[in-house]
Amino acid sequence: MRIKTTILLTTLILMACFSVNALAQDHTRNWDDGNVVAVTEVHIKDGMFNAYINDLNNVWRKYIEEQMKDGSIVSYGMLGNVAAREGEPDLYLTVSYANWAAFDLGEEYFDKIQNKIQGSDDVARSANIKRGDLRTLGSNYNLQEVKFRK
């Protein structure tokens, strides 16, 4: 009985110590939300790396740079997976948006850019079909940047 009481008392003392420690932790917010980064995983078909990069240069880059003019996109990039294992993407495309509002610009906004860069819907649709011969898209995800306050 005395051992059970000692164990119970020791457990209660330890729980009290950890509870006080948890309450003493700093919970102030010393960070801010930063850019929203969209990441797309791309699996490039064998022998099509150069053709796909050229396609990105001719279309994707132009879309991005057009959106950069109004500040909705801050930057973009491509990251090659130099040692991709089975099932992993060959390329990651990244786009950094100023904030979440960039995702709500509306269909008219994007149609205007498409018409400027590619012309008609038929031309854009045909290019998308041909792009399927070069790559397969993997996961897409959006990440919120976290920045320390200075």
C-alpha atoms as a PDB file:
ATOM      1  CA  MET A   1       0.000   0.000   0.000  1.00  0.00           C
ATOM      2  CA  ARG A   2       2.843   2.366   0.870  1.00  0.00           C
ATOM      3  CA  ILE A   3       4.526   1.736  -2.535  1.00  0.00           C
ATOM      4  CA  LYS A   4       1.283   2.513  -4.401  1.00  0.00           C
ATOM      5  CA  THR A   5       0.873   5.754  -2.443  1.00  0.00           C
ATOM      6  CA  THR A   6       4.495   6.732  -3.154  1.00  0.00           C
ATOM      7  CA  ILE A   7       4.089   6.023  -6.868  1.00  0.00           C
ATOM      8  CA  LEU A   8       0.805   7.971  -6.990  1.00  0.00           C
ATOM      9  CA  LEU A   9       2.314  10.917  -5.115  1.00  0.00           C
ATOM     10  CA  THR A  10       5.416  10.923  -7.360  1.00  0.00           C
ATOM     11  CA  THR A  11       3.227  10.816 -10.470  1.00  0.00           C
ATOM     12  CA  LEU A  12       1.113  13.740  -9.227  1.00  0.00           C
ATOM     13  CA  ILE A  13       4.221  15.799  -8.426  1.00  0.00           C
ATOM     14  CA  LEU A  14       5.707  15.130 -11.881  1.00  0.00           C
ATOM     15  CA  MET A  15       2.424  16.023 -13.587  1.00  0.00           C
ATOM     16  CA  ALA A  16       2.286  19.284 -11.633  1.00  0.00           C
ATOM     17  CA  CYS A  17       5.860  20.131 -12.645  1.00  0.00           C
ATOM     18  CA  PHE A  18       5.162  19.550 -16.338  1.00  0.00           C
ATOM     19  CA  SER A  19       1.897  21.517 -16.163  1.00  0.00           C
ATOM     20  CA  VAL A  20       3.637  24.558 -14.682  1.00  0.00           C
ATOM     21  CA  ASN A  21       6.345  24.283 -17.333  1.00  0.00           C
ATOM     22  CA  ALA A  22       3.735  24.214 -20.120  1.00  0.00           C
ATOM     23  CA  LEU A  23       2.008  27.300 -18.725  1.00  0.00           C
ATOM     24  CA  ALA A  24       5.301  29.162 -18.557  1.00  0.00           C
ATOM     25  CA  GLN A  25       6.018  28.706 -22.278  1.00  0.00           C
ATOM     26  CA  ASP A  26       6.030  31.759 -24.530  1.00  0.00           C
ATOM     27  CA  HIS A  27       2.933  31.790 -26.746  1.00  0.00           C
ATOM     28  CA  THR A  28       3.451  35.193 -28.360  1.00  0.00           C
ATOM     29  CA  ARG A  29       3.238  35.269 -32.125  1.00  0.00           C
ATOM     30  CA  ASN A  30       6.630  36.366 -33.434  1.00  0.00           C
ATOM     31  CA  TRP A  31       5.974  35.414 -37.043  1.00  0.00           C
ATOM     32  CA  ASP A  32       3.890  36.539 -39.996  1.00  0.00           C
ATOM     33  CA  ASP A  33       2.385  34.860 -43.019  1.00  0.00           C
ATOM     34  CA  GLY A  34       4.506  35.272 -46.117  1.00  0.00           C
ATOM     35  CA  ASN A  35       3.953  34.355 -49.735  1.00  0.00           C
ATOM     36  CA  VAL A  36       1.841  31.433 -50.868  1.00  0.00           C
ATOM     37  CA  VAL A  37       3.978  28.968 -52.795  1.00  0.00           C
ATOM     38  CA  ALA A  38       2.337  26.598 -55.271  1.00  0.00           C
ATOM     39  CA  VAL A  39       4.349  23.498 -56.102  1.00  0.00           C
ATOM     40  CA  THR A  40       3.653  21.151 -59.011  1.00  0.00           C
ATOM     41  CA  GLU A  41       5.389  17.803 -59.382  1.00  0.00           C
ATOM     42  CA  VAL A  42       6.163  16.858 -62.992  1.00  0.00           C
ATOM     43  CA  HIS A  43       7.056  13.391 -64.273  1.00  0.00           C
ATOM     44  CA  ILE A  44       8.743  13.948 -67.625  1.00  0.00           C
ATOM     45  CA  LYS A  45       8.519  11.145 -70.162  1.00  0.00           C
ATOM     46  CA  ASP A  46      11.780   9.483 -71.209  1.00  0.00           C
ATOM     47  CA  GLY A  47      13.785  11.549 -73.666  1.00  0.00           C
ATOM     48  CA  MET A  48      11.450  14.561 -73.427  1.00  0.00           C
ATOM     49  CA  PHE A  49      13.225  16.754 -70.847  1.00  0.00           C
ATOM     50  CA  ASN A  50      14.535  19.350 -73.322  1.00  0.00           C
ATOM     51  CA  ALA A  51      11.262  19.451 -75.263  1.00  0.00           C
ATOM     52  CA  TYR A  52       9.307  19.984 -72.045  1.00  0.00           C
ATOM     53  CA  ILE A  53      11.614  22.738 -70.763  1.00  0.00           C
ATOM     54  CA  ASN A  54      11.315  24.455 -74.158  1.00  0.00           C
ATOM     55  CA  ASP A  55       7.526  24.221 -73.909  1.00  0.00           C
ATOM     56  CA  LEU A  56       7.626  25.768 -70.429  1.00  0.00           C
ATOM     57  CA  ASN A  57       9.793  28.577 -71.765  1.00  0.00           C
ATOM     58  CA  ASN A  58       7.378  29.282 -74.607  1.00  0.00           C
ATOM     59  CA  VAL A  59       4.104  29.204 -72.678  1.00  0.00           C
ATOM     60  CA  TRP A  60       4.256  28.748 -68.882  1.00  0.00           C
ATOM     61  CA  ARG A  61       6.969  31.363 -68.368  1.00  0.00           C
ATOM     62  CA  LYS A  62       4.988  33.898 -70.402  1.00  0.00           C
ATOM     63  CA  TYR A  63       1.830  33.285 -68.331  1.00  0.00           C
ATOM     64  CA  ILE A  64       3.800  33.730 -65.124  1.00  0.00           C
ATOM     65  CA  GLU A  65       5.611  36.866 -66.244  1.00  0.00           C
ATOM     66  CA  GLU A  66       2.336  38.416 -67.390  1.00  0.00           C
ATOM     67  CA  GLN A  67       0.910  37.870 -63.894  1.00  0.00           C
ATOM     68  CA  MET A  68       4.078  39.288 -62.328  1.00  0.00           C
ATOM     69  CA  LYS A  69       3.320  42.619 -64.005  1.00  0.00           C
ATOM     70  CA  ASP A  70       0.358  43.211 -61.680  1.00  0.00           C
ATOM     71  CA  GLY A  71       2.156  41.871 -58.607  1.00  0.00           C
ATOM     72  CA  SER A  72      -0.003  38.813 -57.990  1.00  0.00           C
ATOM     73  CA  ILE A  73       3.019  36.578 -58.598  1.00  0.00           C
ATOM     74  CA  VAL A  74       6.284  37.419 -56.858  1.00  0.00           C
ATOM     75  CA  SER A  75       8.598  34.799 -58.357  1.00  0.00           C
ATOM     76  CA  TYR A  76       8.765  31.394 -59.992  1.00  0.00           C
ATOM     77  CA  GLY A  77      11.257  28.617 -60.449  1.00  0.00           C
ATOM     78  CA  MET A  78      12.040  25.117 -61.614  1.00  0.00           C
ATOM     79  CA  LEU A  79      13.872  22.559 -59.497  1.00  0.00           C
ATOM     80  CA  GLY A  80      15.274  19.463 -61.155  1.00  0.00           C
ATOM     81  CA  ASN A  81      15.335  16.273 -59.131  1.00  0.00           C
ATOM     82  CA  VAL A  82      18.839  15.211 -60.142  1.00  0.00           C
ATOM     83  CA  ALA A  83      18.606  11.788 -58.524  1.00  0.00           C
ATOM     84  CA  ALA A  84      14.929  10.932 -58.880  1.00  0.00           C
ATOM     85  CA  ARG A  85      14.063   7.499 -57.577  1.00  0.00           C
ATOM     86  CA  GLU A  86      11.325   5.300 -58.979  1.00  0.00           C
ATOM     87  CA  GLY A  87       8.013   7.163 -58.850  1.00  0.00           C
ATOM     88  CA  GLU A  88       9.501  10.515 -57.867  1.00  0.00           C
ATOM     89  CA  PRO A  89       9.013  13.591 -60.062  1.00  0.00           C
ATOM     90  CA  ASP A  90      11.781  14.773 -62.366  1.00  0.00           C
ATOM     91  CA  LEU A  91      10.918  18.432 -61.972  1.00  0.00           C
ATOM     92  CA  TYR A  92       9.205  20.701 -59.441  1.00  0.00           C
ATOM     93  CA  LEU A  93       7.610  23.909 -60.681  1.00  0.00           C
ATOM     94  CA  THR A  94       7.209  26.616 -58.047  1.00  0.00           C
ATOM     95  CA  VAL A  95       5.210  29.826 -58.165  1.00  0.00           C
ATOM     96  CA  SER A  96       5.261  32.304 -55.262  1.00  0.00           C
ATOM     97  CA  TYR A  97       2.087  34.369 -54.995  1.00  0.00           C
ATOM     98  CA  ALA A  98       1.909  37.583 -52.997  1.00  0.00           C
ATOM     99  CA  ASN A  99      -1.103  36.250 -51.067  1.00  0.00           C
ATOM    100  CA  TRP A 100      -4.185  34.043 -51.338  1.00  0.00           C
ATOM    101  CA  ALA A 101      -6.085  36.739 -53.274  1.00  0.00           C
ATOM    102  CA  ALA A 102      -4.056  35.834 -56.373  1.00  0.00           C
ATOM    103  CA  PHE A 103      -6.103  32.622 -56.590  1.00  0.00           C
ATOM    104  CA  ASP A 104      -9.363  34.588 -56.870  1.00  0.00           C
ATOM    105  CA  LEU A 105      -8.651  36.807 -59.877  1.00  0.00           C
ATOM    106  CA  GLY A 106     -11.446  35.264 -61.926  1.00  0.00           C
ATOM    107  CA  GLU A 107     -11.888  33.553 -65.250  1.00  0.00           C
ATOM    108  CA  GLU A 108     -11.847  36.790 -67.258  1.00  0.00           C
ATOM    109  CA  TYR A 109      -8.398  37.673 -65.915  1.00  0.00           C
ATOM    110  CA  PHE A 110      -6.897  34.356 -67.017  1.00  0.00           C
ATOM    111  CA  ASP A 111      -8.775  34.332 -70.344  1.00  0.00           C
ATOM    112  CA  LYS A 112      -7.256  37.722 -71.156  1.00  0.00           C
ATOM    113  CA  ILE A 113      -3.745  36.391 -70.488  1.00  0.00           C
ATOM    114  CA  GLN A 114      -4.411  33.230 -72.510  1.00  0.00           C
ATOM    115  CA  ASN A 115      -5.698  35.218 -75.475  1.00  0.00           C
ATOM    116  CA  LYS A 116      -2.651  37.477 -75.346  1.00  0.00           C
ATOM    117  CA  ILE A 117      -0.158  34.583 -75.227  1.00  0.00           C
ATOM    118  CA  GLN A 118      -1.802  31.753 -77.156  1.00  0.00           C
ATOM    119  CA  GLY A 119      -4.681  33.287 -79.031  1.00  0.00           C
ATOM    120  CA  SER A 120      -7.838  31.218 -79.230  1.00  0.00           C
ATOM    121  CA  ASP A 121      -9.155  28.520 -76.902  1.00  0.00           C
ATOM    122  CA  ASP A 122      -8.565  25.976 -79.676  1.00  0.00           C
ATOM    123  CA  VAL A 123      -4.847  26.787 -79.855  1.00  0.00           C
ATOM    124  CA  ALA A 124      -4.521  26.515 -76.059  1.00  0.00           C
ATOM    125  CA  ARG A 125      -6.476  23.233 -75.987  1.00  0.00           C
ATOM    126  CA  SER A 126      -4.303  21.743 -78.746  1.00  0.00           C
ATOM    127  CA  ALA A 127      -1.119  22.793 -76.911  1.00  0.00           C
ATOM    128  CA  ASN A 128      -2.372  21.154 -73.713  1.00  0.00           C
ATOM    129  CA  ILE A 129      -3.040  17.896 -75.550  1.00  0.00           C
ATOM    130  CA  LYS A 130       0.447  17.913 -77.113  1.00  0.00           C
ATOM    131  CA  ARG A 131       1.974  18.698 -73.701  1.00  0.00           C
ATOM    132  CA  GLY A 132       0.541  15.396 -72.490  1.00  0.00           C
ATOM    133  CA  ASP A 133       3.022  13.654 -74.807  1.00  0.00           C
ATOM    134  CA  LEU A 134       5.877  15.241 -72.852  1.00  0.00           C
ATOM    135  CA  ARG A 135       4.919  14.815 -69.220  1.00  0.00           C
ATOM    136  CA  THR A 136       2.511  13.625 -66.575  1.00  0.00           C
ATOM    137  CA  LEU A 137       1.607  15.913 -63.706  1.00  0.00           C
ATOM    138  CA  GLY A 138       1.940  14.608 -60.175  1.00  0.00           C
ATOM    139  CA  SER A 139       0.784  16.261 -56.986  1.00  0.00           C
ATOM    140  CA  ASN A 140       0.026  19.954 -56.648  1.00  0.00           C
ATOM    141  CA  TYR A 141       0.144  21.620 -53.280  1.00  0.00           C
ATOM    142  CA  ASN A 142       0.083  25.101 -51.827  1.00  0.00           C
ATOM    143  CA  LEU A 143       2.335  26.102 -48.953  1.00  0.00           C
ATOM    144  CA  GLN A 144       2.121  29.201 -46.760  1.00  0.00           C
ATOM    145  CA  GLU A 145       5.472  30.801 -46.073  1.00  0.00           C
ATOM    146  CA  VAL A 146       6.161  31.550 -42.392  1.00  0.00           C
ATOM    147  CA  LYS A 147       8.457  34.508 -41.707  1.00  0.00           C
ATOM    148  CA  PHE A 148      10.065  35.580 -38.455  1.00  0.00           C
ATOM    149  CA  ARG A 149       9.316  39.110 -37.352  1.00  0.00           C
ATOM    150  CA  LYS A 150      12.380  41.296 -37.055  1.00  0.00           C
END
